[in-house]
Amino acid sequence: MQTASSLTFDTDLGSDVDDVLALATILGSPELDLSAITTVYGDTLVRARMAARVATVAGRSIDPIVPGRTETRSGRPVWWAGHEGALLPDLDRETVATDSDPIGVLAASPTVVAVGPLTNVAEAVERPGHQIEQLCVMGGDFLSADPEHNIKCDVDAAAVVFGSGVPATVIGIDQTSRLRLGGAVVAELEAAGSLGQLLGAEMRQFWSFSASDSNVPHDPAAVLMLTDPDLFTFATGRIEVDGDGITPFTPGDGPHRIVADLDAEAVAQRIVDRILVACAGSPTQVINGGGRSSGRDLLA
């Protein structure tokens, strides 16, 4: 995969906590140039304002942050958890680019990291003259005949994206579900300053919502496909999307790569290391190989 010289993060941040953890992972990765954020699916203004708050707390200025498409291309009703933004007071004070064109922002970005339904991205790859050179996607399930959430939410959009021929590297829920972050990570984050406290609170909120005591960092793992490809085993071929959102993969020639295997412990550790860099506001603290996390019990 090419270096992400200019990256746009397309996200449904605010529902599952993994989106906000993915944003923190990007902010803790100095090799990534995060030039814009677009939000998708449901109340995208709330999602954009949440992203702006996270960036502010992290001491970063991301411009533009643009609310994107609210409705799905397929017409499927939007699933809304109901806790989006609940822990972040006065979100209406956050400045976001409501007058900007989210599709134009995406279409002008060489690299797009897409971790929500693909509604925005589908419109961007259809735009004549788009400059998207690579997509980095969290979505699909390549080991079962079950539809994954991001694909199922807008099957029509996913079919357009994977049928467009734009090169895409994709991690499915079959691999991300092998990852867990538990109480030890939350405690470490909450001791790491304002951003860590925000993230810890969001993680605990999602535990309550999902009746769990750990989080699956689906979306941060997608970021690591750019920064730490050595932690993954990829297979090249072609992804298709059927009418139910099932994503059969055919190995061989094709514009797509999927994660066929990963080093689960190292991926989880590296995610935490990069998030802690974002919390510290010091990108020089990244330790190659995940050294700072080595030996940490991430589920304790």
C-alpha atoms as a PDB file:
ATOM      1  CA  MET A   1       0.000   0.000   0.000  1.00  0.00           C
ATOM      2  CA  GLN A   2       1.232   3.500  -0.809  1.00  0.00           C
ATOM      3  CA  THR A   3       2.155   6.007   1.860  1.00  0.00           C
ATOM      4  CA  ALA A   4      -0.865   8.060   2.919  1.00  0.00           C
ATOM      5  CA  SER A   5       0.470  11.490   1.989  1.00  0.00           C
ATOM      6  CA  SER A   6      -2.952  13.138   2.252  1.00  0.00           C
ATOM      7  CA  LEU A   7      -5.684  11.236   4.006  1.00  0.00           C
ATOM      8  CA  THR A   8      -9.395  11.783   4.531  1.00  0.00           C
ATOM      9  CA  PHE A   9     -11.137   9.873   7.324  1.00  0.00           C
ATOM     10  CA  ASP A  10     -14.740   8.950   6.470  1.00  0.00           C
ATOM     11  CA  THR A  11     -16.542   7.816   9.601  1.00  0.00           C
ATOM     12  CA  ASP A  12     -19.818   7.204  11.403  1.00  0.00           C
ATOM     13  CA  LEU A  13     -18.123   8.271  14.624  1.00  0.00           C
ATOM     14  CA  GLY A  14     -20.257   8.362  17.739  1.00  0.00           C
ATOM     15  CA  SER A  15     -22.108   5.049  17.778  1.00  0.00           C
ATOM     16  CA  ASP A  16     -19.633   2.188  18.273  1.00  0.00           C
ATOM     17  CA  VAL A  17     -16.629   3.566  20.161  1.00  0.00           C
ATOM     18  CA  ASP A  18     -14.216   2.042  17.644  1.00  0.00           C
ATOM     19  CA  ASP A  19     -14.541   5.076  15.335  1.00  0.00           C
ATOM     20  CA  VAL A  20     -13.295   7.504  17.967  1.00  0.00           C
ATOM     21  CA  LEU A  21     -10.494   5.099  18.807  1.00  0.00           C
ATOM     22  CA  ALA A  22      -9.593   4.994  15.111  1.00  0.00           C
ATOM     23  CA  LEU A  23      -9.435   8.788  14.993  1.00  0.00           C
ATOM     24  CA  ALA A  24      -7.126   8.764  18.011  1.00  0.00           C
ATOM     25  CA  THR A  25      -4.990   6.119  16.299  1.00  0.00           C
ATOM     26  CA  ILE A  26      -4.637   8.373  13.260  1.00  0.00           C
ATOM     27  CA  LEU A  27      -3.780  11.363  15.457  1.00  0.00           C
ATOM     28  CA  GLY A  28      -1.088   9.264  17.117  1.00  0.00           C
ATOM     29  CA  SER A  29       0.475   8.245  13.795  1.00  0.00           C
ATOM     30  CA  PRO A  30       2.903  10.958  12.633  1.00  0.00           C
ATOM     31  CA  GLU A  31       3.386   9.277   9.260  1.00  0.00           C
ATOM     32  CA  LEU A  32      -0.272   9.927   8.411  1.00  0.00           C
ATOM     33  CA  ASP A  33      -1.289  13.365   7.116  1.00  0.00           C
ATOM     34  CA  LEU A  34      -4.911  13.728   8.202  1.00  0.00           C
ATOM     35  CA  SER A  35      -6.154  16.528   5.987  1.00  0.00           C
ATOM     36  CA  ALA A  36      -9.926  16.162   6.401  1.00  0.00           C
ATOM     37  CA  ILE A  37     -12.722  14.261   8.126  1.00  0.00           C
ATOM     38  CA  THR A  38     -16.101  13.499   6.585  1.00  0.00           C
ATOM     39  CA  THR A  39     -18.983  11.934   8.481  1.00  0.00           C
ATOM     40  CA  VAL A  40     -21.668   9.604   7.213  1.00  0.00           C
ATOM     41  CA  TYR A  41     -24.944   7.939   8.231  1.00  0.00           C
ATOM     42  CA  GLY A  42     -27.571   9.451  10.486  1.00  0.00           C
ATOM     43  CA  ASP A  43     -27.003  12.749  12.268  1.00  0.00           C
ATOM     44  CA  THR A  44     -23.749  13.554  10.537  1.00  0.00           C
ATOM     45  CA  LEU A  45     -23.643  17.035  12.065  1.00  0.00           C
ATOM     46  CA  VAL A  46     -23.454  15.528  15.547  1.00  0.00           C
ATOM     47  CA  ARG A  47     -20.830  13.097  14.315  1.00  0.00           C
ATOM     48  CA  ALA A  48     -18.771  15.933  12.799  1.00  0.00           C
ATOM     49  CA  ARG A  49     -18.985  17.987  15.971  1.00  0.00           C
ATOM     50  CA  MET A  50     -17.861  14.987  18.003  1.00  0.00           C
ATOM     51  CA  ALA A  51     -14.859  14.556  15.698  1.00  0.00           C
ATOM     52  CA  ALA A  52     -14.053  18.250  16.100  1.00  0.00           C
ATOM     53  CA  ARG A  53     -14.202  17.927  19.889  1.00  0.00           C
ATOM     54  CA  VAL A  54     -11.836  14.959  19.860  1.00  0.00           C
ATOM     55  CA  ALA A  55      -9.372  16.836  17.660  1.00  0.00           C
ATOM     56  CA  THR A  56      -9.568  19.898  19.918  1.00  0.00           C
ATOM     57  CA  VAL A  57      -8.955  17.866  23.062  1.00  0.00           C
ATOM     58  CA  ALA A  58      -6.009  16.218  21.306  1.00  0.00           C
ATOM     59  CA  GLY A  59      -4.596  19.670  20.527  1.00  0.00           C
ATOM     60  CA  ARG A  60      -4.986  19.224  16.785  1.00  0.00           C
ATOM     61  CA  SER A  61      -6.622  21.402  14.151  1.00  0.00           C
ATOM     62  CA  ILE A  62      -8.276  19.406  11.359  1.00  0.00           C
ATOM     63  CA  ASP A  63      -9.818  21.489   8.592  1.00  0.00           C
ATOM     64  CA  PRO A  64     -12.219  20.700   7.084  1.00  0.00           C
ATOM     65  CA  ILE A  65     -14.458  18.464   9.157  1.00  0.00           C
ATOM     66  CA  VAL A  66     -17.525  18.045   6.971  1.00  0.00           C
ATOM     67  CA  PRO A  67     -20.918  16.469   7.697  1.00  0.00           C
ATOM     68  CA  GLY A  68     -21.722  14.053   4.884  1.00  0.00           C
ATOM     69  CA  ARG A  69     -24.733  12.119   3.654  1.00  0.00           C
ATOM     70  CA  THR A  70     -27.334  11.313   6.291  1.00  0.00           C
ATOM     71  CA  GLU A  71     -29.487   8.815   4.399  1.00  0.00           C
ATOM     72  CA  THR A  72     -28.421   5.555   2.800  1.00  0.00           C
ATOM     73  CA  ARG A  73     -28.356   5.090  -0.958  1.00  0.00           C
ATOM     74  CA  SER A  74     -30.162   1.773  -0.553  1.00  0.00           C
ATOM     75  CA  GLY A  75     -32.999   3.321   1.432  1.00  0.00           C
ATOM     76  CA  ARG A  76     -32.309   1.100   4.425  1.00  0.00           C
ATOM     77  CA  PRO A  77     -33.356   2.854   7.675  1.00  0.00           C
ATOM     78  CA  VAL A  78     -30.482   4.359   9.641  1.00  0.00           C
ATOM     79  CA  TRP A  79     -29.591   2.531  12.855  1.00  0.00           C
ATOM     80  CA  TRP A  80     -29.016   5.048  15.657  1.00  0.00           C
ATOM     81  CA  ALA A  81     -27.746   3.939  19.058  1.00  0.00           C
ATOM     82  CA  GLY A  82     -29.011   7.039  20.869  1.00  0.00           C
ATOM     83  CA  HIS A  83     -25.905   7.780  22.949  1.00  0.00           C
ATOM     84  CA  GLU A  84     -24.036   9.688  20.220  1.00  0.00           C
ATOM     85  CA  GLY A  85     -22.543  12.813  21.805  1.00  0.00           C
ATOM     86  CA  ALA A  86     -24.126  12.215  25.200  1.00  0.00           C
ATOM     87  CA  LEU A  87     -20.833  12.536  27.075  1.00  0.00           C
ATOM     88  CA  LEU A  88     -19.655  15.671  25.262  1.00  0.00           C
ATOM     89  CA  PRO A  89     -21.520  18.786  26.438  1.00  0.00           C
ATOM     90  CA  ASP A  90     -22.063  21.888  24.308  1.00  0.00           C
ATOM     91  CA  LEU A  91     -21.240  20.194  21.023  1.00  0.00           C
ATOM     92  CA  ASP A  92     -23.010  22.993  19.173  1.00  0.00           C
ATOM     93  CA  ARG A  93     -20.016  25.178  20.008  1.00  0.00           C
ATOM     94  CA  GLU A  94     -17.771  23.091  17.753  1.00  0.00           C
ATOM     95  CA  THR A  95     -17.083  24.606  14.355  1.00  0.00           C
ATOM     96  CA  VAL A  96     -17.477  22.282  11.381  1.00  0.00           C
ATOM     97  CA  ALA A  97     -17.622  22.959   7.648  1.00  0.00           C
ATOM     98  CA  THR A  98     -21.361  22.697   7.028  1.00  0.00           C
ATOM     99  CA  ASP A  99     -21.038  24.689   3.782  1.00  0.00           C
ATOM    100  CA  SER A 100     -18.377  22.399   2.285  1.00  0.00           C
ATOM    101  CA  ASP A 101     -19.049  19.569  -0.157  1.00  0.00           C
ATOM    102  CA  PRO A 102     -18.164  16.302   1.581  1.00  0.00           C
ATOM    103  CA  ILE A 103     -18.097  14.380  -1.689  1.00  0.00           C
ATOM    104  CA  GLY A 104     -15.711  16.886  -3.226  1.00  0.00           C
ATOM    105  CA  VAL A 105     -13.429  16.564  -0.190  1.00  0.00           C
ATOM    106  CA  LEU A 106     -13.353  12.794  -0.561  1.00  0.00           C
ATOM    107  CA  ALA A 107     -12.960  12.892  -4.341  1.00  0.00           C
ATOM    108  CA  ALA A 108      -9.877  15.119  -3.974  1.00  0.00           C
ATOM    109  CA  SER A 109      -8.164  12.874  -1.427  1.00  0.00           C
ATOM    110  CA  PRO A 110      -5.538  10.384  -2.662  1.00  0.00           C
ATOM    111  CA  THR A 111      -6.161   8.133   0.348  1.00  0.00           C
ATOM    112  CA  VAL A 112      -9.511   7.529   2.033  1.00  0.00           C
ATOM    113  CA  VAL A 113      -9.862   5.571   5.255  1.00  0.00           C
ATOM    114  CA  ALA A 114     -13.531   4.544   5.359  1.00  0.00           C
ATOM    115  CA  VAL A 115     -14.848   2.922   8.534  1.00  0.00           C
ATOM    116  CA  GLY A 116     -18.614   3.422   8.217  1.00  0.00           C
ATOM    117  CA  PRO A 117     -21.303   2.729   5.641  1.00  0.00           C
ATOM    118  CA  LEU A 118     -19.911   3.566   2.204  1.00  0.00           C
ATOM    119  CA  THR A 119     -22.563   6.096   1.171  1.00  0.00           C
ATOM    120  CA  ASN A 120     -20.191   9.060   0.867  1.00  0.00           C
ATOM    121  CA  VAL A 121     -17.436   7.031  -0.754  1.00  0.00           C
ATOM    122  CA  ALA A 122     -19.744   5.599  -3.424  1.00  0.00           C
ATOM    123  CA  GLU A 123     -20.680   9.085  -4.552  1.00  0.00           C
ATOM    124  CA  ALA A 124     -17.035  10.148  -4.517  1.00  0.00           C
ATOM    125  CA  VAL A 125     -15.794   7.292  -6.743  1.00  0.00           C
ATOM    126  CA  GLU A 126     -18.596   8.080  -9.192  1.00  0.00           C
ATOM    127  CA  ARG A 127     -17.474  11.696  -9.497  1.00  0.00           C
ATOM    128  CA  PRO A 128     -15.650  12.282 -12.801  1.00  0.00           C
ATOM    129  CA  GLY A 129     -11.981  13.053 -12.323  1.00  0.00           C
ATOM    130  CA  HIS A 130     -11.825  11.908  -8.705  1.00  0.00           C
ATOM    131  CA  GLN A 131      -8.287  11.629  -7.331  1.00  0.00           C
ATOM    132  CA  ILE A 132      -8.767   8.668  -5.002  1.00  0.00           C
ATOM    133  CA  GLU A 133      -5.817   6.348  -5.442  1.00  0.00           C
ATOM    134  CA  GLN A 134      -6.445   3.960  -2.557  1.00  0.00           C
ATOM    135  CA  LEU A 135      -9.208   3.052  -0.156  1.00  0.00           C
ATOM    136  CA  CYS A 136      -8.592   1.585   3.272  1.00  0.00           C
ATOM    137  CA  VAL A 137     -11.863   0.034   4.440  1.00  0.00           C
ATOM    138  CA  MET A 138     -13.240  -1.668   7.515  1.00  0.00           C
ATOM    139  CA  GLY A 139     -16.125  -3.791   6.300  1.00  0.00           C
ATOM    140  CA  GLY A 140     -17.292  -7.179   5.156  1.00  0.00           C
ATOM    141  CA  ASP A 141     -16.925 -10.717   6.426  1.00  0.00           C
ATOM    142  CA  PHE A 142     -14.687 -12.954   4.347  1.00  0.00           C
ATOM    143  CA  LEU A 143     -14.976 -16.178   6.343  1.00  0.00           C
ATOM    144  CA  SER A 144     -18.743 -16.538   6.611  1.00  0.00           C
ATOM    145  CA  ALA A 145     -21.915 -15.951   4.644  1.00  0.00           C
ATOM    146  CA  ASP A 146     -23.102 -13.268   7.062  1.00  0.00           C
ATOM    147  CA  PRO A 147     -23.422  -9.566   6.195  1.00  0.00           C
ATOM    148  CA  GLU A 148     -21.279  -7.170   8.215  1.00  0.00           C
ATOM    149  CA  HIS A 149     -22.779  -3.958   9.666  1.00  0.00           C
ATOM    150  CA  ASN A 150     -21.033  -1.334   7.503  1.00  0.00           C
ATOM    151  CA  ILE A 151     -21.856  -3.196   4.294  1.00  0.00           C
ATOM    152  CA  LYS A 152     -25.390  -4.138   5.334  1.00  0.00           C
ATOM    153  CA  CYS A 153     -26.262  -0.535   6.243  1.00  0.00           C
ATOM    154  CA  ASP A 154     -25.899   0.543   2.605  1.00  0.00           C
ATOM    155  CA  VAL A 155     -25.538  -2.453   0.309  1.00  0.00           C
ATOM    156  CA  ASP A 156     -26.040  -0.360  -2.822  1.00  0.00           C
ATOM    157  CA  ALA A 157     -23.205   1.991  -1.907  1.00  0.00           C
ATOM    158  CA  ALA A 158     -20.856  -0.884  -1.084  1.00  0.00           C
ATOM    159  CA  ALA A 159     -21.599  -2.517  -4.444  1.00  0.00           C
ATOM    160  CA  VAL A 160     -20.695   0.720  -6.231  1.00  0.00           C
ATOM    161  CA  VAL A 161     -17.439   1.149  -4.307  1.00  0.00           C
ATOM    162  CA  PHE A 162     -16.165  -2.399  -4.842  1.00  0.00           C
ATOM    163  CA  GLY A 163     -17.419  -2.445  -8.416  1.00  0.00           C
ATOM    164  CA  SER A 164     -15.599   0.789  -9.268  1.00  0.00           C
ATOM    165  CA  GLY A 165     -12.173  -0.770  -9.625  1.00  0.00           C
ATOM    166  CA  VAL A 166     -10.575   1.715  -7.212  1.00  0.00           C
ATOM    167  CA  PRO A 167      -7.808  -0.136  -5.337  1.00  0.00           C
ATOM    168  CA  ALA A 168      -9.023  -1.047  -1.859  1.00  0.00           C
ATOM    169  CA  THR A 169      -7.413  -2.774   1.097  1.00  0.00           C
ATOM    170  CA  VAL A 170     -10.097  -4.170   3.369  1.00  0.00           C
ATOM    171  CA  ILE A 171     -10.222  -5.721   6.802  1.00  0.00           C
ATOM    172  CA  GLY A 172     -13.338  -7.689   7.628  1.00  0.00           C
ATOM    173  CA  ILE A 173     -15.048  -8.449  10.882  1.00  0.00           C
ATOM    174  CA  ASP A 174     -13.727 -11.998  10.603  1.00  0.00           C
ATOM    175  CA  GLN A 175     -10.295 -10.595  11.508  1.00  0.00           C
ATOM    176  CA  THR A 176     -11.118  -7.547  13.635  1.00  0.00           C
ATOM    177  CA  SER A 177     -13.287  -9.619  15.978  1.00  0.00           C
ATOM    178  CA  ARG A 178     -10.096 -11.364  17.104  1.00  0.00           C
ATOM    179  CA  LEU A 179      -9.024  -8.134  18.850  1.00  0.00           C
ATOM    180  CA  ARG A 180     -10.067  -6.997  22.330  1.00  0.00           C
ATOM    181  CA  LEU A 181      -9.280  -4.025  24.548  1.00  0.00           C
ATOM    182  CA  GLY A 182     -10.367  -4.355  28.151  1.00  0.00           C
ATOM    183  CA  GLY A 183     -10.234  -2.669  31.518  1.00  0.00           C
ATOM    184  CA  ALA A 184      -6.448  -2.409  31.703  1.00  0.00           C
ATOM    185  CA  VAL A 185      -6.430  -0.304  28.543  1.00  0.00           C
ATOM    186  CA  VAL A 186      -9.213   1.947  29.783  1.00  0.00           C
ATOM    187  CA  ALA A 187      -7.363   2.552  33.036  1.00  0.00           C
ATOM    188  CA  GLU A 188      -4.167   3.356  31.141  1.00  0.00           C
ATOM    189  CA  LEU A 189      -5.974   5.792  28.872  1.00  0.00           C
ATOM    190  CA  GLU A 190      -7.786   7.499  31.733  1.00  0.00           C
ATOM    191  CA  ALA A 191      -4.399   8.184  33.340  1.00  0.00           C
ATOM    192  CA  ALA A 192      -3.092   9.738  30.107  1.00  0.00           C
ATOM    193  CA  GLY A 193      -4.688  13.191  30.221  1.00  0.00           C
ATOM    194  CA  SER A 194      -7.774  14.806  28.791  1.00  0.00           C
ATOM    195  CA  LEU A 195      -7.965  12.858  25.543  1.00  0.00           C
ATOM    196  CA  GLY A 196      -7.457   9.576  27.347  1.00  0.00           C
ATOM    197  CA  GLN A 197     -10.208  10.451  29.808  1.00  0.00           C
ATOM    198  CA  LEU A 198     -12.558  11.258  26.925  1.00  0.00           C
ATOM    199  CA  LEU A 199     -11.749   7.956  25.213  1.00  0.00           C
ATOM    200  CA  GLY A 200     -12.051   5.972  28.421  1.00  0.00           C
ATOM    201  CA  ALA A 201     -15.479   7.440  29.119  1.00  0.00           C
ATOM    202  CA  GLU A 202     -16.631   6.636  25.581  1.00  0.00           C
ATOM    203  CA  MET A 203     -15.365   3.061  25.961  1.00  0.00           C
ATOM    204  CA  ARG A 204     -17.175   2.597  29.258  1.00  0.00           C
ATOM    205  CA  GLN A 205     -20.353   4.033  27.754  1.00  0.00           C
ATOM    206  CA  PHE A 206     -20.208   1.488  24.944  1.00  0.00           C
ATOM    207  CA  TRP A 207     -19.638  -1.301  27.462  1.00  0.00           C
ATOM    208  CA  SER A 208     -22.917  -0.333  29.118  1.00  0.00           C
ATOM    209  CA  PHE A 209     -24.698  -0.184  25.778  1.00  0.00           C
ATOM    210  CA  SER A 210     -23.362  -3.520  24.540  1.00  0.00           C
ATOM    211  CA  ALA A 211     -23.421  -5.341  27.904  1.00  0.00           C
ATOM    212  CA  SER A 212     -19.715  -6.116  27.585  1.00  0.00           C
ATOM    213  CA  ASP A 213     -16.537  -5.507  29.528  1.00  0.00           C
ATOM    214  CA  SER A 214     -14.239  -5.022  26.529  1.00  0.00           C
ATOM    215  CA  ASN A 215     -14.164  -3.315  23.148  1.00  0.00           C
ATOM    216  CA  VAL A 216     -13.386  -4.686  19.692  1.00  0.00           C
ATOM    217  CA  PRO A 217     -11.189  -2.126  17.891  1.00  0.00           C
ATOM    218  CA  HIS A 218     -12.500  -2.876  14.391  1.00  0.00           C
ATOM    219  CA  ASP A 219     -11.768   0.562  12.940  1.00  0.00           C
ATOM    220  CA  PRO A 220      -8.336   1.205  14.502  1.00  0.00           C
ATOM    221  CA  ALA A 221      -7.186  -2.034  12.899  1.00  0.00           C
ATOM    222  CA  ALA A 222      -8.065  -0.563   9.508  1.00  0.00           C
ATOM    223  CA  VAL A 223      -5.752   2.380  10.225  1.00  0.00           C
ATOM    224  CA  LEU A 224      -2.904   0.004  11.020  1.00  0.00           C
ATOM    225  CA  MET A 225      -3.167  -1.506   7.545  1.00  0.00           C
ATOM    226  CA  LEU A 226      -1.608   1.787   6.412  1.00  0.00           C
ATOM    227  CA  THR A 227       0.914   2.309   9.194  1.00  0.00           C
ATOM    228  CA  ASP A 228       1.906  -1.255  10.106  1.00  0.00           C
ATOM    229  CA  PRO A 229       1.237  -3.566   7.155  1.00  0.00           C
ATOM    230  CA  ASP A 230       3.834  -6.002   8.486  1.00  0.00           C
ATOM    231  CA  LEU A 231       1.332  -7.076  11.153  1.00  0.00           C
ATOM    232  CA  PHE A 232      -1.087  -8.412   8.537  1.00  0.00           C
ATOM    233  CA  THR A 233      -1.202 -11.115   5.876  1.00  0.00           C
ATOM    234  CA  PHE A 234      -3.022  -9.948   2.749  1.00  0.00           C
ATOM    235  CA  ALA A 235      -4.698 -11.770  -0.114  1.00  0.00           C
ATOM    236  CA  THR A 236      -5.301 -10.136  -3.498  1.00  0.00           C
ATOM    237  CA  GLY A 237      -8.410 -10.607  -5.589  1.00  0.00           C
ATOM    238  CA  ARG A 238     -11.889  -9.207  -6.051  1.00  0.00           C
ATOM    239  CA  ILE A 239     -14.693  -8.445  -3.596  1.00  0.00           C
ATOM    240  CA  GLU A 240     -18.294  -8.632  -4.701  1.00  0.00           C
ATOM    241  CA  VAL A 241     -21.377  -7.519  -2.781  1.00  0.00           C
ATOM    242  CA  ASP A 242     -24.676  -9.360  -3.091  1.00  0.00           C
ATOM    243  CA  GLY A 243     -28.117  -7.970  -2.393  1.00  0.00           C
ATOM    244  CA  ASP A 244     -28.012  -9.033   1.267  1.00  0.00           C
ATOM    245  CA  GLY A 245     -24.632  -7.441   1.942  1.00  0.00           C
ATOM    246  CA  ILE A 246     -22.648 -10.665   1.839  1.00  0.00           C
ATOM    247  CA  THR A 247     -19.114 -10.106   0.513  1.00  0.00           C
ATOM    248  CA  PRO A 248     -17.678 -13.102  -1.375  1.00  0.00           C
ATOM    249  CA  PHE A 249     -13.976 -12.751  -2.194  1.00  0.00           C
ATOM    250  CA  THR A 250     -12.344 -14.383  -5.190  1.00  0.00           C
ATOM    251  CA  PRO A 251      -8.524 -14.667  -4.938  1.00  0.00           C
ATOM    252  CA  GLY A 252      -6.419 -13.859  -7.991  1.00  0.00           C
ATOM    253  CA  ASP A 253      -6.142 -10.801 -10.163  1.00  0.00           C
ATOM    254  CA  GLY A 254      -8.206  -7.888  -8.942  1.00  0.00           C
ATOM    255  CA  PRO A 255      -8.130  -4.424  -7.401  1.00  0.00           C
ATOM    256  CA  HIS A 256      -8.768  -5.546  -3.837  1.00  0.00           C
ATOM    257  CA  ARG A 257      -6.720  -6.869  -0.949  1.00  0.00           C
ATOM    258  CA  ILE A 258      -8.255  -8.384   2.149  1.00  0.00           C
ATOM    259  CA  VAL A 259      -6.660  -9.225   5.476  1.00  0.00           C
ATOM    260  CA  ALA A 260      -6.386 -13.002   5.557  1.00  0.00           C
ATOM    261  CA  ASP A 261      -4.597 -13.158   8.904  1.00  0.00           C
ATOM    262  CA  LEU A 262      -3.106 -10.861  11.511  1.00  0.00           C
ATOM    263  CA  ASP A 263      -0.927 -10.870  14.606  1.00  0.00           C
ATOM    264  CA  ALA A 264      -3.757 -10.185  17.035  1.00  0.00           C
ATOM    265  CA  GLU A 265      -1.652  -9.392  20.084  1.00  0.00           C
ATOM    266  CA  ALA A 266       0.703  -7.093  18.203  1.00  0.00           C
ATOM    267  CA  VAL A 267      -2.133  -5.267  16.428  1.00  0.00           C
ATOM    268  CA  ALA A 268      -3.949  -4.606  19.702  1.00  0.00           C
ATOM    269  CA  GLN A 269      -0.751  -3.427  21.352  1.00  0.00           C
ATOM    270  CA  ARG A 270       0.149  -1.133  18.484  1.00  0.00           C
ATOM    271  CA  ILE A 271      -3.318   0.445  18.532  1.00  0.00           C
ATOM    272  CA  VAL A 272      -2.914   1.285  22.211  1.00  0.00           C
ATOM    273  CA  ASP A 273       0.600   2.642  21.692  1.00  0.00           C
ATOM    274  CA  ARG A 274      -0.539   4.991  18.950  1.00  0.00           C
ATOM    275  CA  ILE A 275      -3.553   6.169  20.931  1.00  0.00           C
ATOM    276  CA  LEU A 276      -1.269   6.942  23.871  1.00  0.00           C
ATOM    277  CA  VAL A 277       0.920   9.013  21.547  1.00  0.00           C
ATOM    278  CA  ALA A 278      -2.155  11.037  20.615  1.00  0.00           C
ATOM    279  CA  CYS A 279      -2.988  11.420  24.308  1.00  0.00           C
ATOM    280  CA  ALA A 280       0.498  12.690  25.047  1.00  0.00           C
ATOM    281  CA  GLY A 281       0.533  15.038  22.068  1.00  0.00           C
ATOM    282  CA  SER A 282       4.023  13.817  21.242  1.00  0.00           C
ATOM    283  CA  PRO A 283       4.307  11.812  18.004  1.00  0.00           C
ATOM    284  CA  THR A 284       7.977  11.077  18.684  1.00  0.00           C
ATOM    285  CA  GLN A 285       6.855   8.575  21.333  1.00  0.00           C
ATOM    286  CA  VAL A 286       5.842   5.939  18.772  1.00  0.00           C
ATOM    287  CA  ILE A 287       7.998   2.869  19.421  1.00  0.00           C
ATOM    288  CA  ASN A 288       8.447   0.620  16.415  1.00  0.00           C
ATOM    289  CA  GLY A 289       7.337  -2.894  17.136  1.00  0.00           C
ATOM    290  CA  GLY A 290       4.899  -1.794  19.818  1.00  0.00           C
ATOM    291  CA  GLY A 291       7.621  -1.879  22.468  1.00  0.00           C
ATOM    292  CA  ARG A 292       5.857   0.248  25.026  1.00  0.00           C
ATOM    293  CA  SER A 293       2.888  -2.136  25.075  1.00  0.00           C
ATOM    294  CA  SER A 294       4.870  -5.381  24.982  1.00  0.00           C
ATOM    295  CA  GLY A 295       3.706  -7.781  27.668  1.00  0.00           C
ATOM    296  CA  ARG A 296       0.636  -5.703  28.591  1.00  0.00           C
ATOM    297  CA  ASP A 297      -2.496  -7.679  29.402  1.00  0.00           C
ATOM    298  CA  LEU A 298      -4.963  -5.778  27.235  1.00  0.00           C
ATOM    299  CA  LEU A 299      -7.996  -7.580  28.632  1.00  0.00           C
ATOM    300  CA  ALA A 300      -7.249  -7.352  32.369  1.00  0.00           C
END
